[in-house]
Amino acid sequence: MTVFANVLGAVVARLQSAPAVSLRVHRARLKPIAEQHTDAVVVRIQSSLPERFAILNAPTDWDTTLEIECYARSAMLTPDLAVDALLGKVFDKLAADPSLGGLVMDLVPMALEYDFAGDAEQMACATLRLKVLHRTQNLTLE
């Protein structure tokens, strides 16, 4: 398995660790939240760029971008407040150990985007984009 799959798995595992940020934390899921659920989190890899081309016998540092989509709906709160609570849990959980147990060098917030459903669902999505700084061994993706 490549380091990219391992990094994605580590973020998902961290968000699922007790206490989980949501009962529905998904890896690369396309349809994230069913009507009967109030929240869900989806973690996806977006892209990855090496900081430099491989040099003989030297490791390669990577900037990998992950997107963490936080979906929430509530009959009691406005969509922005419902998703804000979930976003806060996600951010706090990852900020508690930005090395993911030593797997990566750092997690760096890059952007935060919001989207709101215009129908009766009153659902919002906050997408946190993170840069993950990590390393592979020379001429390998492991």
N, C-alpha and C. Protein backbone atom coordinates (compact mmCIF):
# COMPACT_ATOMS: atom_id res chain seq x y z
N MET A 1 0.84 -1.17 0.00
CA MET A 1 0.00 0.00 0.00
C MET A 1 0.89 1.24 0.00
N THR A 2 0.49 2.27 -0.71
CA THR A 2 1.29 3.49 -0.78
C THR A 2 1.10 4.33 0.48
N VAL A 3 2.00 5.25 0.67
CA VAL A 3 1.90 6.16 1.81
C VAL A 3 0.65 7.04 1.69
N PHE A 4 0.20 7.30 0.47
CA PHE A 4 -0.99 8.13 0.27
C PHE A 4 -2.23 7.44 0.84
N ALA A 5 -2.37 6.16 0.58
CA ALA A 5 -3.48 5.39 1.14
C ALA A 5 -3.35 5.30 2.66
N ASN A 6 -2.14 5.17 3.15
CA ASN A 6 -1.91 5.11 4.60
C ASN A 6 -2.27 6.42 5.28
N VAL A 7 -1.91 7.55 4.67
CA VAL A 7 -2.23 8.86 5.24
C VAL A 7 -3.74 9.04 5.30
N LEU A 8 -4.43 8.74 4.21
CA LEU A 8 -5.88 8.87 4.18
C LEU A 8 -6.51 7.98 5.25
N GLY A 9 -6.03 6.74 5.35
CA GLY A 9 -6.53 5.82 6.37
C GLY A 9 -6.29 6.31 7.78
N ALA A 10 -5.14 6.94 8.02
CA ALA A 10 -4.81 7.46 9.35
C ALA A 10 -5.75 8.60 9.75
N VAL A 11 -6.08 9.47 8.80
CA VAL A 11 -7.00 10.57 9.10
C VAL A 11 -8.38 10.01 9.42
N VAL A 12 -8.86 9.06 8.62
CA VAL A 12 -10.17 8.45 8.87
C VAL A 12 -10.17 7.77 10.24
N ALA A 13 -9.11 7.00 10.53
CA ALA A 13 -9.03 6.31 11.83
C ALA A 13 -9.03 7.30 12.99
N ARG A 14 -8.32 8.41 12.83
CA ARG A 14 -8.28 9.42 13.90
C ARG A 14 -9.67 10.00 14.14
N LEU A 15 -10.40 10.29 13.08
CA LEU A 15 -11.74 10.87 13.23
C LEU A 15 -12.73 9.86 13.79
N GLN A 16 -12.47 8.56 13.58
CA GLN A 16 -13.35 7.51 14.11
C GLN A 16 -12.98 7.10 15.54
N SER A 17 -11.80 7.50 16.00
CA SER A 17 -11.36 7.08 17.34
C SER A 17 -12.23 7.73 18.40
N ALA A 18 -12.39 7.01 19.50
CA ALA A 18 -13.29 7.46 20.57
C ALA A 18 -12.80 8.74 21.23
N PRO A 19 -13.68 9.68 21.42
CA PRO A 19 -15.04 9.72 20.90
C PRO A 19 -15.05 10.16 19.43
N ALA A 20 -15.70 9.39 18.60
CA ALA A 20 -15.74 9.68 17.16
C ALA A 20 -16.43 11.02 16.90
N VAL A 21 -15.99 11.72 15.86
CA VAL A 21 -16.61 13.01 15.53
C VAL A 21 -18.02 12.81 14.98
N SER A 22 -18.28 11.62 14.42
CA SER A 22 -19.59 11.27 13.87
C SER A 22 -19.66 9.75 13.80
N LEU A 23 -20.85 9.21 13.79
CA LEU A 23 -21.01 7.77 13.58
C LEU A 23 -20.77 7.41 12.12
N ARG A 24 -20.76 8.41 11.26
CA ARG A 24 -20.57 8.20 9.83
C ARG A 24 -19.35 8.96 9.33
N VAL A 25 -18.18 8.34 9.47
CA VAL A 25 -16.94 8.88 8.92
C VAL A 25 -16.56 7.95 7.77
N HIS A 26 -16.54 8.50 6.57
CA HIS A 26 -16.35 7.69 5.37
C HIS A 26 -15.05 8.05 4.66
N ARG A 27 -14.52 7.06 4.00
CA ARG A 27 -13.31 7.22 3.19
C ARG A 27 -13.74 7.29 1.73
N ALA A 28 -13.53 8.45 1.10
CA ALA A 28 -13.75 8.66 -0.33
C ALA A 28 -15.15 8.27 -0.79
N ARG A 29 -16.13 8.48 0.01
CA ARG A 29 -17.51 8.16 -0.36
C ARG A 29 -18.08 9.27 -1.23
N LEU A 30 -18.89 8.90 -2.23
CA LEU A 30 -19.43 9.90 -3.14
C LEU A 30 -20.77 10.46 -2.67
N LYS A 31 -21.65 9.63 -2.12
CA LYS A 31 -22.92 10.12 -1.59
C LYS A 31 -22.85 10.03 -0.08
N PRO A 32 -22.53 11.11 0.60
CA PRO A 32 -22.13 11.04 2.00
C PRO A 32 -23.23 10.96 3.05
N ILE A 33 -24.42 11.46 2.81
CA ILE A 33 -25.38 11.55 3.92
C ILE A 33 -26.79 11.21 3.44
N ALA A 34 -27.34 10.17 4.05
CA ALA A 34 -28.72 9.76 3.75
C ALA A 34 -29.68 10.68 4.50
N GLU A 35 -30.91 10.72 4.03
CA GLU A 35 -31.90 11.63 4.60
C GLU A 35 -32.15 11.40 6.09
N GLN A 36 -32.03 10.15 6.56
CA GLN A 36 -32.35 9.88 7.96
C GLN A 36 -31.21 10.26 8.91
N HIS A 37 -30.04 10.63 8.39
CA HIS A 37 -28.90 10.97 9.24
C HIS A 37 -28.74 12.49 9.35
N THR A 38 -28.23 12.93 10.50
CA THR A 38 -28.06 14.36 10.71
C THR A 38 -26.65 14.85 10.38
N ASP A 39 -25.67 13.92 10.33
CA ASP A 39 -24.32 14.37 10.00
C ASP A 39 -23.50 13.25 9.37
N ALA A 40 -22.41 13.64 8.76
CA ALA A 40 -21.46 12.69 8.16
C ALA A 40 -20.18 13.44 7.85
N VAL A 41 -19.09 12.69 7.79
CA VAL A 41 -17.79 13.24 7.42
C VAL A 41 -17.21 12.36 6.32
N VAL A 42 -16.68 12.99 5.29
CA VAL A 42 -16.06 12.27 4.18
C VAL A 42 -14.64 12.80 4.01
N VAL A 43 -13.67 11.88 3.95
CA VAL A 43 -12.27 12.25 3.76
C VAL A 43 -11.82 11.75 2.40
N ARG A 44 -11.26 12.67 1.60
CA ARG A 44 -10.79 12.34 0.26
C ARG A 44 -9.40 12.91 0.02
N ILE A 45 -8.63 12.20 -0.79
CA ILE A 45 -7.37 12.76 -1.25
C ILE A 45 -7.68 13.55 -2.53
N GLN A 46 -7.12 14.75 -2.62
CA GLN A 46 -7.37 15.58 -3.79
C GLN A 46 -6.19 15.54 -4.75
N SER A 47 -4.98 15.73 -4.23
CA SER A 47 -3.80 15.76 -5.09
C SER A 47 -2.55 15.62 -4.23
N SER A 48 -1.43 15.40 -4.90
CA SER A 48 -0.16 15.33 -4.19
C SER A 48 0.96 15.75 -5.13
N LEU A 49 1.85 16.57 -4.62
CA LEU A 49 2.98 17.04 -5.41
C LEU A 49 4.28 16.80 -4.64
N PRO A 50 5.29 16.27 -5.33
CA PRO A 50 6.59 16.15 -4.66
C PRO A 50 7.24 17.52 -4.56
N GLU A 51 7.99 17.74 -3.49
CA GLU A 51 8.69 19.01 -3.35
C GLU A 51 9.87 19.11 -4.30
N ARG A 52 10.39 17.96 -4.67
CA ARG A 52 11.48 17.94 -5.65
C ARG A 52 11.48 16.56 -6.29
N PHE A 53 12.16 16.48 -7.42
CA PHE A 53 12.27 15.18 -8.08
C PHE A 53 13.24 14.30 -7.31
N ALA A 54 13.05 13.01 -7.42
CA ALA A 54 13.87 12.06 -6.68
C ALA A 54 15.34 12.19 -7.03
N ILE A 55 16.15 12.20 -6.01
CA ILE A 55 17.61 12.20 -6.14
C ILE A 55 18.07 10.85 -5.61
N LEU A 56 19.05 10.28 -6.25
CA LEU A 56 19.53 8.97 -5.87
C LEU A 56 19.78 8.88 -4.36
N ASN A 57 19.19 7.89 -3.75
CA ASN A 57 19.34 7.58 -2.32
C ASN A 57 18.79 8.66 -1.37
N ALA A 58 17.93 9.53 -1.85
CA ALA A 58 17.35 10.56 -0.99
C ALA A 58 15.84 10.37 -0.93
N PRO A 59 15.22 10.61 0.23
CA PRO A 59 13.76 10.52 0.31
C PRO A 59 13.10 11.67 -0.44
N THR A 60 11.83 11.52 -0.72
CA THR A 60 11.04 12.56 -1.39
C THR A 60 10.00 13.09 -0.41
N ASP A 61 9.96 14.39 -0.25
CA ASP A 61 8.93 15.03 0.57
C ASP A 61 7.74 15.38 -0.33
N TRP A 62 6.54 15.16 0.20
CA TRP A 62 5.31 15.38 -0.56
C TRP A 62 4.42 16.39 0.14
N ASP A 63 3.71 17.17 -0.66
CA ASP A 63 2.61 18.01 -0.20
C ASP A 63 1.33 17.38 -0.74
N THR A 64 0.60 16.70 0.12
CA THR A 64 -0.63 16.02 -0.29
C THR A 64 -1.81 16.81 0.25
N THR A 65 -2.78 17.07 -0.62
CA THR A 65 -3.96 17.82 -0.21
C THR A 65 -5.11 16.85 0.04
N LEU A 66 -5.67 16.94 1.25
CA LEU A 66 -6.85 16.18 1.62
C LEU A 66 -8.02 17.13 1.77
N GLU A 67 -9.20 16.64 1.43
CA GLU A 67 -10.42 17.39 1.67
C GLU A 67 -11.26 16.61 2.67
N ILE A 68 -11.70 17.30 3.71
CA ILE A 68 -12.56 16.69 4.71
C ILE A 68 -13.89 17.43 4.66
N GLU A 69 -14.91 16.73 4.17
CA GLU A 69 -16.24 17.32 4.03
C GLU A 69 -17.06 17.00 5.27
N CYS A 70 -17.57 18.03 5.91
CA CYS A 70 -18.41 17.88 7.10
C CYS A 70 -19.84 18.25 6.70
N TYR A 71 -20.75 17.28 6.77
CA TYR A 71 -22.15 17.49 6.41
C TYR A 71 -23.00 17.49 7.67
N ALA A 72 -23.92 18.44 7.76
CA ALA A 72 -24.82 18.47 8.92
C ALA A 72 -26.16 19.08 8.54
N ARG A 73 -27.19 18.56 9.18
CA ARG A 73 -28.53 19.13 9.08
C ARG A 73 -29.17 19.07 10.45
N SER A 74 -30.05 20.01 10.71
CA SER A 74 -30.70 20.06 12.01
C SER A 74 -32.05 20.75 11.89
N ALA A 75 -33.03 20.23 12.59
CA ALA A 75 -34.33 20.89 12.65
C ALA A 75 -34.32 21.99 13.71
N MET A 76 -33.32 21.94 14.60
CA MET A 76 -33.26 22.89 15.72
C MET A 76 -32.34 24.08 15.46
N LEU A 77 -31.30 23.87 14.65
CA LEU A 77 -30.31 24.91 14.41
C LEU A 77 -30.31 25.31 12.94
N THR A 78 -29.80 26.49 12.66
CA THR A 78 -29.59 26.85 11.27
C THR A 78 -28.44 25.98 10.73
N PRO A 79 -28.39 25.74 9.42
CA PRO A 79 -27.38 24.85 8.86
C PRO A 79 -25.94 25.26 9.19
N ASP A 80 -25.68 26.57 9.22
CA ASP A 80 -24.31 27.00 9.50
C ASP A 80 -23.89 26.63 10.92
N LEU A 81 -24.79 26.71 11.88
CA LEU A 81 -24.47 26.34 13.25
C LEU A 81 -24.34 24.82 13.42
N ALA A 82 -25.18 24.08 12.73
CA ALA A 82 -25.11 22.62 12.80
C ALA A 82 -23.78 22.12 12.26
N VAL A 83 -23.35 22.63 11.12
CA VAL A 83 -22.09 22.17 10.53
C VAL A 83 -20.89 22.72 11.29
N ASP A 84 -21.04 23.86 11.91
CA ASP A 84 -19.94 24.45 12.68
C ASP A 84 -19.53 23.55 13.85
N ALA A 85 -20.51 22.97 14.51
CA ALA A 85 -20.22 22.07 15.64
C ALA A 85 -19.42 20.86 15.17
N LEU A 86 -19.81 20.28 14.04
CA LEU A 86 -19.11 19.11 13.51
C LEU A 86 -17.71 19.49 13.03
N LEU A 87 -17.59 20.60 12.33
CA LEU A 87 -16.29 21.09 11.87
C LEU A 87 -15.34 21.30 13.05
N GLY A 88 -15.84 21.87 14.14
CA GLY A 88 -15.01 22.08 15.32
C GLY A 88 -14.48 20.77 15.89
N LYS A 89 -15.31 19.74 15.93
CA LYS A 89 -14.87 18.43 16.42
C LYS A 89 -13.78 17.85 15.52
N VAL A 90 -13.98 17.95 14.21
CA VAL A 90 -12.99 17.42 13.25
C VAL A 90 -11.66 18.13 13.43
N PHE A 91 -11.70 19.46 13.46
CA PHE A 91 -10.46 20.24 13.56
C PHE A 91 -9.73 19.93 14.87
N ASP A 92 -10.47 19.91 15.97
CA ASP A 92 -9.85 19.65 17.27
C ASP A 92 -9.22 18.26 17.33
N LYS A 93 -9.88 17.27 16.75
CA LYS A 93 -9.37 15.90 16.76
C LYS A 93 -8.05 15.81 16.00
N LEU A 94 -7.97 16.48 14.85
CA LEU A 94 -6.73 16.43 14.05
C LEU A 94 -5.64 17.31 14.65
N ALA A 95 -6.01 18.44 15.23
CA ALA A 95 -5.03 19.35 15.82
C ALA A 95 -4.37 18.74 17.06
N ALA A 96 -5.03 17.78 17.70
CA ALA A 96 -4.47 17.16 18.89
C ALA A 96 -3.19 16.38 18.60
N ASP A 97 -3.04 15.91 17.36
CA ASP A 97 -1.81 15.21 16.96
C ASP A 97 -1.58 15.42 15.47
N PRO A 98 -1.01 16.58 15.09
CA PRO A 98 -0.82 16.89 13.67
C PRO A 98 0.22 16.02 12.97
N SER A 99 0.87 15.12 13.69
CA SER A 99 1.79 14.19 13.03
C SER A 99 1.13 12.84 12.76
N LEU A 100 -0.13 12.70 13.16
CA LEU A 100 -0.86 11.43 13.01
C LEU A 100 -0.05 10.27 13.56
N GLY A 101 0.43 10.45 14.77
CA GLY A 101 1.21 9.40 15.41
C GLY A 101 2.58 9.20 14.81
N GLY A 102 3.13 10.23 14.17
CA GLY A 102 4.46 10.14 13.57
C GLY A 102 4.46 9.72 12.11
N LEU A 103 3.29 9.50 11.53
CA LEU A 103 3.20 9.09 10.12
C LEU A 103 3.54 10.23 9.18
N VAL A 104 3.19 11.46 9.55
CA VAL A 104 3.42 12.61 8.69
C VAL A 104 4.22 13.67 9.45
N MET A 105 4.75 14.64 8.71
CA MET A 105 5.51 15.71 9.34
C MET A 105 4.62 16.81 9.88
N ASP A 106 3.48 17.07 9.21
CA ASP A 106 2.59 18.13 9.67
C ASP A 106 1.29 18.10 8.89
N LEU A 107 0.24 18.66 9.50
CA LEU A 107 -1.04 18.94 8.86
C LEU A 107 -1.21 20.45 8.88
N VAL A 108 -1.42 21.04 7.71
CA VAL A 108 -1.52 22.50 7.61
C VAL A 108 -2.86 22.87 6.98
N PRO A 109 -3.72 23.60 7.70
CA PRO A 109 -4.97 24.05 7.10
C PRO A 109 -4.68 24.98 5.91
N MET A 110 -5.40 24.74 4.81
CA MET A 110 -5.20 25.55 3.60
C MET A 110 -6.43 26.39 3.25
N ALA A 111 -7.62 25.82 3.44
CA ALA A 111 -8.83 26.53 3.05
C ALA A 111 -10.02 25.91 3.77
N LEU A 112 -11.08 26.70 3.84
CA LEU A 112 -12.35 26.24 4.39
C LEU A 112 -13.44 26.81 3.49
N GLU A 113 -14.27 25.92 2.94
CA GLU A 113 -15.33 26.34 2.03
C GLU A 113 -16.67 25.83 2.55
N TYR A 114 -17.73 26.60 2.32
CA TYR A 114 -19.06 26.23 2.77
C TYR A 114 -20.00 26.11 1.58
N ASP A 115 -20.97 25.19 1.72
CA ASP A 115 -22.01 25.03 0.72
C ASP A 115 -23.31 24.74 1.48
N PHE A 116 -24.40 25.31 1.01
CA PHE A 116 -25.68 25.16 1.69
C PHE A 116 -26.73 24.64 0.72
N ALA A 117 -27.55 23.67 1.19
CA ALA A 117 -28.65 23.15 0.37
C ALA A 117 -29.76 24.18 0.35
N GLY A 118 -30.36 24.36 -0.81
CA GLY A 118 -31.41 25.36 -0.95
C GLY A 118 -32.80 24.81 -0.81
N ASP A 119 -32.94 23.56 -0.40
CA ASP A 119 -34.27 22.97 -0.28
C ASP A 119 -34.68 22.84 1.18
N ALA A 120 -35.68 22.03 1.42
CA ALA A 120 -36.22 21.89 2.78
C ALA A 120 -35.29 21.13 3.72
N GLU A 121 -34.22 20.53 3.21
CA GLU A 121 -33.32 19.73 4.05
C GLU A 121 -32.57 20.56 5.08
N GLN A 122 -32.31 21.82 4.80
CA GLN A 122 -31.53 22.66 5.70
C GLN A 122 -30.19 22.01 6.03
N MET A 123 -29.47 21.62 4.97
CA MET A 123 -28.18 20.96 5.15
C MET A 123 -27.06 21.87 4.71
N ALA A 124 -25.93 21.75 5.41
CA ALA A 124 -24.74 22.52 5.06
C ALA A 124 -23.55 21.57 4.98
N CYS A 125 -22.57 21.98 4.19
CA CYS A 125 -21.32 21.24 4.08
C CYS A 125 -20.18 22.23 4.26
N ALA A 126 -19.28 21.92 5.17
CA ALA A 126 -18.05 22.70 5.35
C ALA A 126 -16.90 21.79 4.93
N THR A 127 -16.13 22.23 3.95
CA THR A 127 -15.02 21.43 3.45
C THR A 127 -13.71 22.04 3.93
N LEU A 128 -13.00 21.28 4.74
CA LEU A 128 -11.70 21.69 5.25
C LEU A 128 -10.63 21.08 4.35
N ARG A 129 -9.82 21.93 3.75
CA ARG A 129 -8.72 21.46 2.90
C ARG A 129 -7.43 21.54 3.71
N LEU A 130 -6.75 20.40 3.80
CA LEU A 130 -5.51 20.31 4.56
C LEU A 130 -4.35 19.92 3.65
N LYS A 131 -3.20 20.53 3.90
CA LYS A 131 -1.96 20.09 3.27
C LYS A 131 -1.29 19.14 4.26
N VAL A 132 -0.96 17.95 3.79
CA VAL A 132 -0.28 16.97 4.62
C VAL A 132 1.15 16.86 4.11
N LEU A 133 2.10 17.16 4.98
CA LEU A 133 3.51 17.07 4.62
C LEU A 133 4.02 15.71 5.09
N HIS A 134 4.50 14.91 4.13
CA HIS A 134 4.98 13.57 4.47
C HIS A 134 6.10 13.17 3.53
N ARG A 135 6.67 12.02 3.77
CA ARG A 135 7.88 11.60 3.06
C ARG A 135 7.75 10.16 2.58
N THR A 136 8.34 9.90 1.41
CA THR A 136 8.50 8.53 0.93
C THR A 136 9.99 8.25 0.79
N GLN A 137 10.31 6.97 0.81
CA GLN A 137 11.70 6.57 0.61
C GLN A 137 12.08 6.78 -0.85
N ASN A 138 13.36 6.73 -1.13
CA ASN A 138 13.89 6.98 -2.47
C ASN A 138 13.24 6.05 -3.50
N LEU A 139 12.70 6.64 -4.56
CA LEU A 139 12.15 5.94 -5.71
C LEU A 139 11.09 4.91 -5.35
N THR A 140 10.27 5.23 -4.37
CA THR A 140 9.15 4.37 -3.98
C THR A 140 8.01 5.26 -3.48
N LEU A 141 6.83 4.71 -3.45
CA LEU A 141 5.67 5.44 -2.91
C LEU A 141 5.31 4.91 -1.53
N GLU A 142 6.22 4.20 -0.91
CA GLU A 142 5.99 3.66 0.44
C GLU A 142 6.76 4.44 1.46
